[in-house]
Amino acid sequence: MEREARENELVASLREKWELPDQIVLTNPEHFAKAMEFAEKLGGEAFESLKVALEHFRRVVRVRGEDWTVRIGSDFVPHSFVFCYQYKGQFESNGGVICHGLRGVETFSIELVDKPGIHWSIHT
């Protein structure tokens, strides 16, 4: 019970800090917090690229309405996420927000434009 209370507290603080609406569900809040902290430390364009991805999810639930949910979880690529769009609780589509540019890490994701440095991009 204590672990659940700590997790709920973490989710509440992440929602506030990153302005996440209730329709964005964090299935692994610890992973999300660590990845966001990593991006903040990098700063610059790297951090901006992850903020762009978050804004995309905010826009999806805002435009599509309250029946839509975005579930965000951890991916095997460090500092990356998987996501799933749901409509009325039913699966619609999924993808990943992948951290590229980490030395020695294979993402198994292809980018059409080679972008130098660490950055995040949405893959579906």
PDB file of N, CA and C in Angstrom:
ATOM      1  N   MET A   1       0.822  -1.201   0.000  1.00  0.00           N
ATOM      2  CA  MET A   1       0.000   0.000   0.000  1.00  0.00           C
ATOM      3  C   MET A   1       0.867   1.267   0.000  1.00  0.00           C
ATOM      4  N   GLU A   2       1.960   1.202   0.752  1.00  0.00           N
ATOM      5  CA  GLU A   2       2.854   2.357   0.818  1.00  0.00           C
ATOM      6  C   GLU A   2       3.493   2.628  -0.541  1.00  0.00           C
ATOM      7  N   ARG A   3       3.860   1.551  -1.269  1.00  0.00           N
ATOM      8  CA  ARG A   3       4.446   1.703  -2.599  1.00  0.00           C
ATOM      9  C   ARG A   3       3.443   2.362  -3.548  1.00  0.00           C
ATOM     10  N   GLU A   4       2.200   1.949  -3.473  1.00  0.00           N
ATOM     11  CA  GLU A   4       1.157   2.532  -4.320  1.00  0.00           C
ATOM     12  C   GLU A   4       0.967   4.013  -4.016  1.00  0.00           C
ATOM     13  N   ALA A   5       1.019   4.380  -2.742  1.00  0.00           N
ATOM     14  CA  ALA A   5       0.881   5.786  -2.355  1.00  0.00           C
ATOM     15  C   ALA A   5       2.048   6.608  -2.896  1.00  0.00           C
ATOM     16  N   ARG A   6       3.265   6.055  -2.831  1.00  0.00           N
ATOM     17  CA  ARG A   6       4.444   6.754  -3.369  1.00  0.00           C
ATOM     18  C   ARG A   6       4.326   6.921  -4.883  1.00  0.00           C
ATOM     19  N   GLU A   7       3.848   5.861  -5.557  1.00  0.00           N
ATOM     20  CA  GLU A   7       3.690   5.934  -7.005  1.00  0.00           C
ATOM     21  C   GLU A   7       2.631   6.971  -7.389  1.00  0.00           C
ATOM     22  N   ASN A   8       1.523   7.000  -6.666  1.00  0.00           N
ATOM     23  CA  ASN A   8       0.470   7.990  -6.931  1.00  0.00           C
ATOM     24  C   ASN A   8       0.994   9.412  -6.726  1.00  0.00           C
ATOM     25  N   GLU A   9       1.811   9.589  -5.692  1.00  0.00           N
ATOM     26  CA  GLU A   9       2.411  10.896  -5.423  1.00  0.00           C
ATOM     27  C   GLU A   9       3.363  11.300  -6.547  1.00  0.00           C
ATOM     28  N   LEU A  10       4.155  10.324  -7.031  1.00  0.00           N
ATOM     29  CA  LEU A  10       5.072  10.595  -8.134  1.00  0.00           C
ATOM     30  C   LEU A  10       4.292  10.969  -9.395  1.00  0.00           C
ATOM     31  N   VAL A  11       3.245  10.220  -9.702  1.00  0.00           N
ATOM     32  CA  VAL A  11       2.430  10.506 -10.888  1.00  0.00           C
ATOM     33  C   VAL A  11       1.829  11.905 -10.783  1.00  0.00           C
ATOM     34  N   ALA A  12       1.312  12.255  -9.613  1.00  0.00           N
ATOM     35  CA  ALA A  12       0.722  13.588  -9.421  1.00  0.00           C
ATOM     36  C   ALA A  12       1.765  14.683  -9.652  1.00  0.00           C
ATOM     37  N   SER A  13       2.974  14.489  -9.145  1.00  0.00           N
ATOM     38  CA  SER A  13       4.012  15.515  -9.325  1.00  0.00           C
ATOM     39  C   SER A  13       4.452  15.601 -10.793  1.00  0.00           C
ATOM     40  N   LEU A  14       4.521  14.463 -11.483  1.00  0.00           N
ATOM     41  CA  LEU A  14       4.876  14.471 -12.905  1.00  0.00           C
ATOM     42  C   LEU A  14       3.784  15.135 -13.736  1.00  0.00           C
ATOM     43  N   ARG A  15       2.527  14.861 -13.406  1.00  0.00           N
ATOM     44  CA  ARG A  15       1.408  15.497 -14.122  1.00  0.00           C
ATOM     45  C   ARG A  15       1.487  17.016 -13.997  1.00  0.00           C
ATOM     46  N   GLU A  16       1.781  17.464 -12.790  1.00  0.00           N
ATOM     47  CA  GLU A  16       1.851  18.903 -12.555  1.00  0.00           C
ATOM     48  C   GLU A  16       3.049  19.517 -13.286  1.00  0.00           C
ATOM     49  N   LYS A  17       4.213  18.916 -13.124  1.00  0.00           N
ATOM     50  CA  LYS A  17       5.431  19.474 -13.715  1.00  0.00           C
ATOM     51  C   LYS A  17       5.360  19.497 -15.238  1.00  0.00           C
ATOM     52  N   TRP A  18       4.848  18.423 -15.840  1.00  0.00           N
ATOM     53  CA  TRP A  18       4.853  18.303 -17.302  1.00  0.00           C
ATOM     54  C   TRP A  18       3.491  18.578 -17.919  1.00  0.00           C
ATOM     55  N   GLU A  19       2.554  19.069 -17.113  1.00  0.00           N
ATOM     56  CA  GLU A  19       1.215  19.460 -17.586  1.00  0.00           C
ATOM     57  C   GLU A  19       0.551  18.335 -18.371  1.00  0.00           C
ATOM     58  N   LEU A  20       0.494  17.162 -17.749  1.00  0.00           N
ATOM     59  CA  LEU A  20      -0.098  15.988 -18.379  1.00  0.00           C
ATOM     60  C   LEU A  20      -1.564  15.855 -17.980  1.00  0.00           C
ATOM     61  N   PRO A  21      -2.467  15.848 -18.943  1.00  0.00           N
ATOM     62  CA  PRO A  21      -3.876  15.655 -18.613  1.00  0.00           C
ATOM     63  C   PRO A  21      -4.137  14.216 -18.148  1.00  0.00           C
ATOM     64  N   ASP A  22      -5.290  14.000 -17.546  1.00  0.00           N
ATOM     65  CA  ASP A  22      -5.633  12.681 -17.016  1.00  0.00           C
ATOM     66  C   ASP A  22      -5.660  11.596 -18.089  1.00  0.00           C
ATOM     67  N   GLN A  23      -5.892  11.969 -19.339  1.00  0.00           N
ATOM     68  CA  GLN A  23      -5.959  10.965 -20.409  1.00  0.00           C
ATOM     69  C   GLN A  23      -4.576  10.438 -20.803  1.00  0.00           C
ATOM     70  N   ILE A  24      -3.516  11.032 -20.285  1.00  0.00           N
ATOM     71  CA  ILE A  24      -2.172  10.500 -20.500  1.00  0.00           C
ATOM     72  C   ILE A  24      -1.817   9.686 -19.265  1.00  0.00           C
ATOM     73  N   VAL A  25      -1.703   8.374 -19.462  1.00  0.00           N
ATOM     74  CA  VAL A  25      -1.481   7.435 -18.366  1.00  0.00           C
ATOM     75  C   VAL A  25      -0.028   6.979 -18.394  1.00  0.00           C
ATOM     76  N   LEU A  26       0.659   7.128 -17.275  1.00  0.00           N
ATOM     77  CA  LEU A  26       2.053   6.687 -17.160  1.00  0.00           C
ATOM     78  C   LEU A  26       2.073   5.305 -16.520  1.00  0.00           C
ATOM     79  N   THR A  27       2.430   4.288 -17.312  1.00  0.00           N
ATOM     80  CA  THR A  27       2.432   2.926 -16.776  1.00  0.00           C
ATOM     81  C   THR A  27       3.709   2.600 -16.017  1.00  0.00           C
ATOM     82  N   ASN A  28       4.748   3.403 -16.216  1.00  0.00           N
ATOM     83  CA  ASN A  28       5.998   3.250 -15.465  1.00  0.00           C
ATOM     84  C   ASN A  28       6.500   4.653 -15.111  1.00  0.00           C
ATOM     85  N   PRO A  29       5.908   5.270 -14.081  1.00  0.00           N
ATOM     86  CA  PRO A  29       6.266   6.652 -13.761  1.00  0.00           C
ATOM     87  C   PRO A  29       7.730   6.850 -13.377  1.00  0.00           C
ATOM     88  N   GLU A  30       8.357   5.836 -12.771  1.00  0.00           N
ATOM     89  CA  GLU A  30       9.768   5.971 -12.405  1.00  0.00           C
ATOM     90  C   GLU A  30      10.628   6.116 -13.660  1.00  0.00           C
ATOM     91  N   HIS A  31      10.353   5.313 -14.672  1.00  0.00           N
ATOM     92  CA  HIS A  31      11.092   5.391 -15.932  1.00  0.00           C
ATOM     93  C   HIS A  31      10.869   6.751 -16.598  1.00  0.00           C
ATOM     94  N   PHE A  32       9.623   7.194 -16.621  1.00  0.00           N
ATOM     95  CA  PHE A  32       9.296   8.493 -17.208  1.00  0.00           C
ATOM     96  C   PHE A  32      10.061   9.602 -16.493  1.00  0.00           C
ATOM     97  N   ALA A  33      10.066   9.571 -15.164  1.00  0.00           N
ATOM     98  CA  ALA A  33      10.761  10.605 -14.376  1.00  0.00           C
ATOM     99  C   ALA A  33      12.256  10.616 -14.675  1.00  0.00           C
ATOM    100  N   LYS A  34      12.876   9.434 -14.748  1.00  0.00           N
ATOM    101  CA  LYS A  34      14.318   9.365 -15.017  1.00  0.00           C
ATOM    102  C   LYS A  34      14.653   9.847 -16.428  1.00  0.00           C
ATOM    103  N   ALA A  35      13.823   9.483 -17.395  1.00  0.00           N
ATOM    104  CA  ALA A  35      14.070   9.917 -18.768  1.00  0.00           C
ATOM    105  C   ALA A  35      13.920  11.428 -18.891  1.00  0.00           C
ATOM    106  N   MET A  36      12.901  11.991 -18.248  1.00  0.00           N
ATOM    107  CA  MET A  36      12.698  13.439 -18.305  1.00  0.00           C
ATOM    108  C   MET A  36      13.854  14.167 -17.609  1.00  0.00           C
ATOM    109  N   GLU A  37      14.339  13.608 -16.514  1.00  0.00           N
ATOM    110  CA  GLU A  37      15.483  14.199 -15.807  1.00  0.00           C
ATOM    111  C   GLU A  37      16.729  14.167 -16.703  1.00  0.00           C
ATOM    112  N   PHE A  38      16.937  13.050 -17.389  1.00  0.00           N
ATOM    113  CA  PHE A  38      18.062  12.927 -18.318  1.00  0.00           C
ATOM    114  C   PHE A  38      17.961  13.990 -19.414  1.00  0.00           C
ATOM    115  N   ALA A  39      16.781  14.148 -19.986  1.00  0.00           N
ATOM    116  CA  ALA A  39      16.571  15.134 -21.051  1.00  0.00           C
ATOM    117  C   ALA A  39      16.787  16.554 -20.538  1.00  0.00           C
ATOM    118  N   GLU A  40      16.290  16.836 -19.330  1.00  0.00           N
ATOM    119  CA  GLU A  40      16.486  18.174 -18.749  1.00  0.00           C
ATOM    120  C   GLU A  40      17.968  18.492 -18.584  1.00  0.00           C
ATOM    121  N   LYS A  41      18.737  17.498 -18.130  1.00  0.00           N
ATOM    122  CA  LYS A  41      20.177  17.707 -17.944  1.00  0.00           C
ATOM    123  C   LYS A  41      20.876  17.981 -19.272  1.00  0.00           C
ATOM    124  N   LEU A  42      20.416  17.302 -20.333  1.00  0.00           N
ATOM    125  CA  LEU A  42      21.001  17.546 -21.659  1.00  0.00           C
ATOM    126  C   LEU A  42      20.688  18.957 -22.138  1.00  0.00           C
ATOM    127  N   GLY A  43      19.435  19.373 -21.885  1.00  0.00           N
ATOM    128  CA  GLY A  43      18.998  20.698 -22.297  1.00  0.00           C
ATOM    129  C   GLY A  43      18.983  20.864 -23.805  1.00  0.00           C
ATOM    130  N   GLY A  44      18.925  22.099 -24.255  1.00  0.00           N
ATOM    131  CA  GLY A  44      19.012  22.443 -25.667  1.00  0.00           C
ATOM    132  C   GLY A  44      18.026  21.722 -26.557  1.00  0.00           C
ATOM    133  N   GLU A  45      18.489  21.421 -27.779  1.00  0.00           N
ATOM    134  CA  GLU A  45      17.631  20.779 -28.776  1.00  0.00           C
ATOM    135  C   GLU A  45      17.201  19.378 -28.360  1.00  0.00           C
ATOM    136  N   ALA A  46      18.049  18.680 -27.619  1.00  0.00           N
ATOM    137  CA  ALA A  46      17.692  17.337 -27.164  1.00  0.00           C
ATOM    138  C   ALA A  46      16.440  17.392 -26.291  1.00  0.00           C
ATOM    139  N   PHE A  47      16.456  18.262 -25.311  1.00  0.00           N
ATOM    140  CA  PHE A  47      15.317  18.409 -24.408  1.00  0.00           C
ATOM    141  C   PHE A  47      14.086  18.888 -25.176  1.00  0.00           C
ATOM    142  N   GLU A  48      14.284  19.819 -26.082  1.00  0.00           N
ATOM    143  CA  GLU A  48      13.168  20.339 -26.876  1.00  0.00           C
ATOM    144  C   GLU A  48      12.509  19.236 -27.690  1.00  0.00           C
ATOM    145  N   SER A  49      13.313  18.306 -28.227  1.00  0.00           N
ATOM    146  CA  SER A  49      12.739  17.234 -29.043  1.00  0.00           C
ATOM    147  C   SER A  49      11.818  16.338 -28.217  1.00  0.00           C
ATOM    148  N   LEU A  50      12.141  16.112 -26.952  1.00  0.00           N
ATOM    149  CA  LEU A  50      11.263  15.304 -26.095  1.00  0.00           C
ATOM    150  C   LEU A  50      10.025  16.096 -25.700  1.00  0.00           C
ATOM    151  N   LYS A  51      10.177  17.392 -25.462  1.00  0.00           N
ATOM    152  CA  LYS A  51       9.011  18.226 -25.153  1.00  0.00           C
ATOM    153  C   LYS A  51       8.042  18.285 -26.333  1.00  0.00           C
ATOM    154  N   VAL A  52       8.551  18.259 -27.558  1.00  0.00           N
ATOM    155  CA  VAL A  52       7.705  18.239 -28.751  1.00  0.00           C
ATOM    156  C   VAL A  52       6.860  16.958 -28.763  1.00  0.00           C
ATOM    157  N   ALA A  53       7.465  15.835 -28.415  1.00  0.00           N
ATOM    158  CA  ALA A  53       6.721  14.571 -28.364  1.00  0.00           C
ATOM    159  C   ALA A  53       5.611  14.633 -27.317  1.00  0.00           C
ATOM    160  N   LEU A  54       5.916  15.188 -26.151  1.00  0.00           N
ATOM    161  CA  LEU A  54       4.882  15.318 -25.104  1.00  0.00           C
ATOM    162  C   LEU A  54       3.750  16.230 -25.561  1.00  0.00           C
ATOM    163  N   GLU A  55       4.092  17.295 -26.241  1.00  0.00           N
ATOM    164  CA  GLU A  55       3.062  18.198 -26.741  1.00  0.00           C
ATOM    165  C   GLU A  55       2.181  17.491 -27.767  1.00  0.00           C
ATOM    166  N   HIS A  56       2.769  16.628 -28.555  1.00  0.00           N
ATOM    167  CA  HIS A  56       1.986  15.843 -29.509  1.00  0.00           C
ATOM    168  C   HIS A  56       0.916  15.025 -28.775  1.00  0.00           C
ATOM    169  N   PHE A  57       1.283  14.365 -27.689  1.00  0.00           N
ATOM    170  CA  PHE A  57       0.319  13.558 -26.933  1.00  0.00           C
ATOM    171  C   PHE A  57      -0.759  14.432 -26.286  1.00  0.00           C
ATOM    172  N   ARG A  58      -0.360  15.575 -25.760  1.00  0.00           N
ATOM    173  CA  ARG A  58      -1.351  16.508 -25.193  1.00  0.00           C
ATOM    174  C   ARG A  58      -2.358  16.937 -26.264  1.00  0.00           C
ATOM    175  N   ARG A  59      -1.852  17.229 -27.433  1.00  0.00           N
ATOM    176  CA  ARG A  59      -2.712  17.675 -28.533  1.00  0.00           C
ATOM    177  C   ARG A  59      -3.664  16.559 -28.975  1.00  0.00           C
ATOM    178  N   VAL A  60      -3.172  15.330 -29.021  1.00  0.00           N
ATOM    179  CA  VAL A  60      -4.021  14.199 -29.419  1.00  0.00           C
ATOM    180  C   VAL A  60      -5.227  14.086 -28.504  1.00  0.00           C
ATOM    181  N   VAL A  61      -5.014  14.096 -27.196  1.00  0.00           N
ATOM    182  CA  VAL A  61      -6.156  13.928 -26.296  1.00  0.00           C
ATOM    183  C   VAL A  61      -7.030  15.177 -26.262  1.00  0.00           C
ATOM    184  N   ARG A  62      -6.427  16.335 -26.476  1.00  0.00           N
ATOM    185  CA  ARG A  62      -7.219  17.572 -26.496  1.00  0.00           C
ATOM    186  C   ARG A  62      -8.128  17.617 -27.728  1.00  0.00           C
ATOM    187  N   VAL A  63      -7.593  17.276 -28.882  1.00  0.00           N
ATOM    188  CA  VAL A  63      -8.345  17.354 -30.131  1.00  0.00           C
ATOM    189  C   VAL A  63      -9.340  16.202 -30.259  1.00  0.00           C
ATOM    190  N   ARG A  64      -8.930  15.019 -29.889  1.00  0.00           N
ATOM    191  CA  ARG A  64      -9.798  13.851 -30.074  1.00  0.00           C
ATOM    192  C   ARG A  64     -10.855  13.717 -28.985  1.00  0.00           C
ATOM    193  N   GLY A  65     -10.608  14.313 -27.828  1.00  0.00           N
ATOM    194  CA  GLY A  65     -11.630  14.309 -26.786  1.00  0.00           C
ATOM    195  C   GLY A  65     -11.377  13.320 -25.662  1.00  0.00           C
ATOM    196  N   GLU A  66     -12.258  13.370 -24.684  1.00  0.00           N
ATOM    197  CA  GLU A  66     -12.058  12.618 -23.442  1.00  0.00           C
ATOM    198  C   GLU A  66     -12.171  11.108 -23.586  1.00  0.00           C
ATOM    199  N   ASP A  67     -12.697  10.614 -24.696  1.00  0.00           N
ATOM    200  CA  ASP A  67     -12.780   9.165 -24.899  1.00  0.00           C
ATOM    201  C   ASP A  67     -11.443   8.558 -25.314  1.00  0.00           C
ATOM    202  N   TRP A  68     -10.462   9.405 -25.596  1.00  0.00           N
ATOM    203  CA  TRP A  68      -9.145   8.942 -26.021  1.00  0.00           C
ATOM    204  C   TRP A  68      -8.163   8.957 -24.863  1.00  0.00           C
ATOM    205  N   THR A  69      -7.287   7.947 -24.845  1.00  0.00           N
ATOM    206  CA  THR A  69      -6.246   7.826 -23.829  1.00  0.00           C
ATOM    207  C   THR A  69      -4.922   7.527 -24.525  1.00  0.00           C
ATOM    208  N   VAL A  70      -3.860   8.072 -23.974  1.00  0.00           N
ATOM    209  CA  VAL A  70      -2.508   7.714 -24.411  1.00  0.00           C
ATOM    210  C   VAL A  70      -1.828   7.064 -23.210  1.00  0.00           C
ATOM    211  N   ARG A  71      -1.440   5.815 -23.380  1.00  0.00           N
ATOM    212  CA  ARG A  71      -0.715   5.096 -22.329  1.00  0.00           C
ATOM    213  C   ARG A  71       0.769   5.131 -22.693  1.00  0.00           C
ATOM    214  N   ILE A  72       1.601   5.607 -21.767  1.00  0.00           N
ATOM    215  CA  ILE A  72       3.038   5.731 -22.006  1.00  0.00           C
ATOM    216  C   ILE A  72       3.771   4.813 -21.029  1.00  0.00           C
ATOM    217  N   GLY A  73       4.620   3.942 -21.576  1.00  0.00           N
ATOM    218  CA  GLY A  73       5.402   3.017 -20.757  1.00  0.00           C
ATOM    219  C   GLY A  73       6.862   3.041 -21.156  1.00  0.00           C
ATOM    220  N   SER A  74       7.643   2.159 -20.578  1.00  0.00           N
ATOM    221  CA  SER A  74       9.083   2.132 -20.851  1.00  0.00           C
ATOM    222  C   SER A  74       9.385   1.240 -22.051  1.00  0.00           C
ATOM    223  N   ASP A  75      10.433   1.606 -22.766  1.00  0.00           N
ATOM    224  CA  ASP A  75      10.919   0.851 -23.915  1.00  0.00           C
ATOM    225  C   ASP A  75      12.261   0.243 -23.543  1.00  0.00           C
ATOM    226  N   PHE A  76      12.744  -0.733 -24.333  1.00  0.00           N
ATOM    227  CA  PHE A  76      14.047  -1.330 -24.040  1.00  0.00           C
ATOM    228  C   PHE A  76      15.203  -0.381 -24.350  1.00  0.00           C
ATOM    229  N   VAL A  77      14.979   0.604 -25.228  1.00  0.00           N
ATOM    230  CA  VAL A  77      16.017   1.586 -25.531  1.00  0.00           C
ATOM    231  C   VAL A  77      16.086   2.571 -24.360  1.00  0.00           C
ATOM    232  N   PRO A  78      17.266   2.809 -23.804  1.00  0.00           N
ATOM    233  CA  PRO A  78      17.369   3.725 -22.660  1.00  0.00           C
ATOM    234  C   PRO A  78      16.708   5.079 -22.940  1.00  0.00           C
ATOM    235  N   HIS A  79      16.007   5.586 -21.941  1.00  0.00           N
ATOM    236  CA  HIS A  79      15.370   6.909 -21.969  1.00  0.00           C
ATOM    237  C   HIS A  79      14.260   7.019 -23.015  1.00  0.00           C
ATOM    238  N   SER A  80      13.749   5.886 -23.464  1.00  0.00           N
ATOM    239  CA  SER A  80      12.721   5.855 -24.507  1.00  0.00           C
ATOM    240  C   SER A  80      11.407   5.314 -23.960  1.00  0.00           C
ATOM    241  N   PHE A  81      10.343   5.512 -24.731  1.00  0.00           N
ATOM    242  CA  PHE A  81       9.000   5.123 -24.300  1.00  0.00           C
ATOM    243  C   PHE A  81       8.276   4.366 -25.396  1.00  0.00           C
ATOM    244  N   VAL A  82       7.365   3.508 -24.980  1.00  0.00           N
ATOM    245  CA  VAL A  82       6.353   2.980 -25.879  1.00  0.00           C
ATOM    246  C   VAL A  82       5.074   3.731 -25.565  1.00  0.00           C
ATOM    247  N   PHE A  83       4.185   3.830 -26.552  1.00  0.00           N
ATOM    248  CA  PHE A  83       2.895   4.454 -26.284  1.00  0.00           C
ATOM    249  C   PHE A  83       1.814   3.706 -27.041  1.00  0.00           C
ATOM    250  N   CYS A  84       0.616   3.845 -26.544  1.00  0.00           N
ATOM    251  CA  CYS A  84      -0.545   3.199 -27.131  1.00  0.00           C
ATOM    252  C   CYS A  84      -1.704   4.179 -27.081  1.00  0.00           C
ATOM    253  N   TYR A  85      -2.347   4.395 -28.222  1.00  0.00           N
ATOM    254  CA  TYR A  85      -3.571   5.196 -28.259  1.00  0.00           C
ATOM    255  C   TYR A  85      -4.753   4.256 -28.049  1.00  0.00           C
ATOM    256  N   GLN A  86      -5.665   4.673 -27.180  1.00  0.00           N
ATOM    257  CA  GLN A  86      -6.870   3.897 -26.938  1.00  0.00           C
ATOM    258  C   GLN A  86      -8.091   4.789 -27.100  1.00  0.00           C
ATOM    259  N   TYR A  87      -9.119   4.224 -27.704  1.00  0.00           N
ATOM    260  CA  TYR A  87     -10.411   4.903 -27.819  1.00  0.00           C
ATOM    261  C   TYR A  87     -11.419   4.085 -27.033  1.00  0.00           C
ATOM    262  N   LYS A  88     -11.996   4.723 -26.023  1.00  0.00           N
ATOM    263  CA  LYS A  88     -12.945   4.050 -25.120  1.00  0.00           C
ATOM    264  C   LYS A  88     -12.361   2.738 -24.593  1.00  0.00           C
ATOM    265  N   GLY A  89     -11.075   2.781 -24.255  1.00  0.00           N
ATOM    266  CA  GLY A  89     -10.407   1.631 -23.660  1.00  0.00           C
ATOM    267  C   GLY A  89      -9.948   0.568 -24.637  1.00  0.00           C
ATOM    268  N   GLN A  90     -10.205   0.753 -25.916  1.00  0.00           N
ATOM    269  CA  GLN A  90      -9.821  -0.228 -26.933  1.00  0.00           C
ATOM    270  C   GLN A  90      -8.599   0.260 -27.701  1.00  0.00           C
ATOM    271  N   PHE A  91      -7.693  -0.657 -27.977  1.00  0.00           N
ATOM    272  CA  PHE A  91      -6.472  -0.355 -28.714  1.00  0.00           C
ATOM    273  C   PHE A  91      -6.789   0.257 -30.080  1.00  0.00           C
ATOM    274  N   GLU A  92      -6.072   1.315 -30.426  1.00  0.00           N
ATOM    275  CA  GLU A  92      -6.191   1.927 -31.751  1.00  0.00           C
ATOM    276  C   GLU A  92      -4.875   1.858 -32.517  1.00  0.00           C
ATOM    277  N   SER A  93      -3.791   2.307 -31.900  1.00  0.00           N
ATOM    278  CA  SER A  93      -2.475   2.245 -32.538  1.00  0.00           C
ATOM    279  C   SER A  93      -1.401   2.419 -31.471  1.00  0.00           C
ATOM    280  N   ASN A  94      -0.157   2.162 -31.873  1.00  0.00           N
ATOM    281  CA  ASN A  94       0.935   2.286 -30.905  1.00  0.00           C
ATOM    282  C   ASN A  94       2.212   2.718 -31.595  1.00  0.00           C
ATOM    283  N   GLY A  95       3.227   2.958 -30.802  1.00  0.00           N
ATOM    284  CA  GLY A  95       4.523   3.362 -31.330  1.00  0.00           C
ATOM    285  C   GLY A  95       5.506   3.591 -30.205  1.00  0.00           C
ATOM    286  N   GLY A  96       6.526   4.356 -30.511  1.00  0.00           N
ATOM    287  CA  GLY A  96       7.538   4.648 -29.512  1.00  0.00           C
ATOM    288  C   GLY A  96       8.062   6.065 -29.647  1.00  0.00           C
ATOM    289  N   VAL A  97       8.514   6.606 -28.540  1.00  0.00           N
ATOM    290  CA  VAL A  97       9.270   7.857 -28.516  1.00  0.00           C
ATOM    291  C   VAL A  97      10.697   7.416 -28.206  1.00  0.00           C
ATOM    292  N   ILE A  98      11.510   7.402 -29.234  1.00  0.00           N
ATOM    293  CA  ILE A  98      12.818   6.763 -29.148  1.00  0.00           C
ATOM    294  C   ILE A  98      13.924   7.803 -28.993  1.00  0.00           C
ATOM    295  N   CYS A  99      14.816   7.522 -28.056  1.00  0.00           N
ATOM    296  CA  CYS A  99      15.993   8.361 -27.836  1.00  0.00           C
ATOM    297  C   CYS A  99      17.091   7.882 -28.785  1.00  0.00           C
ATOM    298  N   HIS A 100      17.482   8.742 -29.692  1.00  0.00           N
ATOM    299  CA  HIS A 100      18.522   8.444 -30.675  1.00  0.00           C
ATOM    300  C   HIS A 100      19.815   9.163 -30.290  1.00  0.00           C
ATOM    301  N   GLY A 101      20.924   8.641 -30.801  1.00  0.00           N
ATOM    302  CA  GLY A 101      22.208   9.309 -30.635  1.00  0.00           C
ATOM    303  C   GLY A 101      22.998   8.887 -29.414  1.00  0.00           C
ATOM    304  N   LEU A 102      22.504   7.887 -28.687  1.00  0.00           N
ATOM    305  CA  LEU A 102      23.268   7.384 -27.545  1.00  0.00           C
ATOM    306  C   LEU A 102      24.387   6.488 -28.071  1.00  0.00           C
ATOM    307  N   ARG A 103      25.593   6.759 -27.662  1.00  0.00           N
ATOM    308  CA  ARG A 103      26.754   6.010 -28.147  1.00  0.00           C
ATOM    309  C   ARG A 103      26.633   4.526 -27.777  1.00  0.00           C
ATOM    310  N   GLY A 104      26.772   3.670 -28.806  1.00  0.00           N
ATOM    311  CA  GLY A 104      26.779   2.230 -28.580  1.00  0.00           C
ATOM    312  C   GLY A 104      25.415   1.601 -28.348  1.00  0.00           C
ATOM    313  N   VAL A 105      24.332   2.330 -28.568  1.00  0.00           N
ATOM    314  CA  VAL A 105      22.982   1.803 -28.333  1.00  0.00           C
ATOM    315  C   VAL A 105      22.257   1.652 -29.655  1.00  0.00           C
ATOM    316  N   GLU A 106      21.819   0.431 -29.955  1.00  0.00           N
ATOM    317  CA  GLU A 106      21.040   0.165 -31.165  1.00  0.00           C
ATOM    318  C   GLU A 106      19.565   0.372 -30.838  1.00  0.00           C
ATOM    319  N   THR A 107      18.904   1.220 -31.610  1.00  0.00           N
ATOM    320  CA  THR A 107      17.487   1.519 -31.352  1.00  0.00           C
ATOM    321  C   THR A 107      16.543   0.648 -32.161  1.00  0.00           C
ATOM    322  N   PHE A 108      17.030   0.039 -33.232  1.00  0.00           N
ATOM    323  CA  PHE A 108      16.195  -0.738 -34.152  1.00  0.00           C
ATOM    324  C   PHE A 108      15.074   0.128 -34.729  1.00  0.00           C
ATOM    325  N   SER A 109      15.322   1.432 -34.832  1.00  0.00           N
ATOM    326  CA  SER A 109      14.393   2.389 -35.427  1.00  0.00           C
ATOM    327  C   SER A 109      15.127   3.150 -36.521  1.00  0.00           C
ATOM    328  N   ILE A 110      14.407   3.473 -37.562  1.00  0.00           N
ATOM    329  CA  ILE A 110      15.009   4.170 -38.695  1.00  0.00           C
ATOM    330  C   ILE A 110      14.501   5.598 -38.732  1.00  0.00           C
ATOM    331  N   GLU A 111      15.430   6.516 -38.969  1.00  0.00           N
ATOM    332  CA  GLU A 111      15.061   7.917 -39.175  1.00  0.00           C
ATOM    333  C   GLU A 111      15.336   8.262 -40.635  1.00  0.00           C
ATOM    334  N   LEU A 112      14.433   8.993 -41.237  1.00  0.00           N
ATOM    335  CA  LEU A 112      14.590   9.353 -42.643  1.00  0.00           C
ATOM    336  C   LEU A 112      15.628  10.461 -42.836  1.00  0.00           C
ATOM    337  N   VAL A 113      15.820  11.261 -41.801  1.00  0.00           N
ATOM    338  CA  VAL A 113      16.805  12.334 -41.836  1.00  0.00           C
ATOM    339  C   VAL A 113      17.816  12.070 -40.736  1.00  0.00           C
ATOM    340  N   ASP A 114      19.092  12.021 -41.094  1.00  0.00           N
ATOM    341  CA  ASP A 114      20.136  11.790 -40.103  1.00  0.00           C
ATOM    342  C   ASP A 114      20.317  13.060 -39.277  1.00  0.00           C
ATOM    343  N   LYS A 115      20.047  12.963 -38.010  1.00  0.00           N
ATOM    344  CA  LYS A 115      20.142  14.117 -37.116  1.00  0.00           C
ATOM    345  C   LYS A 115      21.247  13.846 -36.090  1.00  0.00           C
ATOM    346  N   PRO A 116      22.227  14.726 -35.995  1.00  0.00           N
ATOM    347  CA  PRO A 116      23.327  14.483 -35.058  1.00  0.00           C
ATOM    348  C   PRO A 116      22.902  14.726 -33.605  1.00  0.00           C
ATOM    349  N   GLY A 117      23.621  14.103 -32.708  1.00  0.00           N
ATOM    350  CA  GLY A 117      23.403  14.331 -31.289  1.00  0.00           C
ATOM    351  C   GLY A 117      22.231  13.542 -30.733  1.00  0.00           C
ATOM    352  N   ILE A 118      22.076  13.627 -29.429  1.00  0.00           N
ATOM    353  CA  ILE A 118      20.986  12.932 -28.748  1.00  0.00           C
ATOM    354  C   ILE A 118      19.693  13.694 -28.985  1.00  0.00           C
ATOM    355  N   HIS A 119      18.666  12.956 -29.351  1.00  0.00           N
ATOM    356  CA  HIS A 119      17.348  13.549 -29.588  1.00  0.00           C
ATOM    357  C   HIS A 119      16.278  12.452 -29.534  1.00  0.00           C
ATOM    358  N   TRP A 120      15.041  12.864 -29.385  1.00  0.00           N
ATOM    359  CA  TRP A 120      13.918  11.933 -29.357  1.00  0.00           C
ATOM    360  C   TRP A 120      13.060  12.156 -30.594  1.00  0.00           C
ATOM    361  N   SER A 121      12.479  11.072 -31.091  1.00  0.00           N
ATOM    362  CA  SER A 121      11.525  11.186 -32.189  1.00  0.00           C
ATOM    363  C   SER A 121      10.436  10.128 -32.020  1.00  0.00           C
ATOM    364  N   ILE A 122       9.269  10.438 -32.564  1.00  0.00           N
ATOM    365  CA  ILE A 122       8.120   9.532 -32.490  1.00  0.00           C
ATOM    366  C   ILE A 122       8.184   8.571 -33.661  1.00  0.00           C
ATOM    367  N   HIS A 123       8.002   7.293 -33.372  1.00  0.00           N
ATOM    368  CA  HIS A 123       7.949   6.241 -34.393  1.00  0.00           C
ATOM    369  C   HIS A 123       6.651   5.475 -34.236  1.00  0.00           C
ATOM    370  N   THR A 124       5.999   5.202 -35.348  1.00  0.00           N
ATOM    371  CA  THR A 124       4.759   4.406 -35.316  1.00  0.00           C
ATOM    372  C   THR A 124       4.881   3.223 -36.254  1.00  0.00           C
TER     373      THR A 124
END
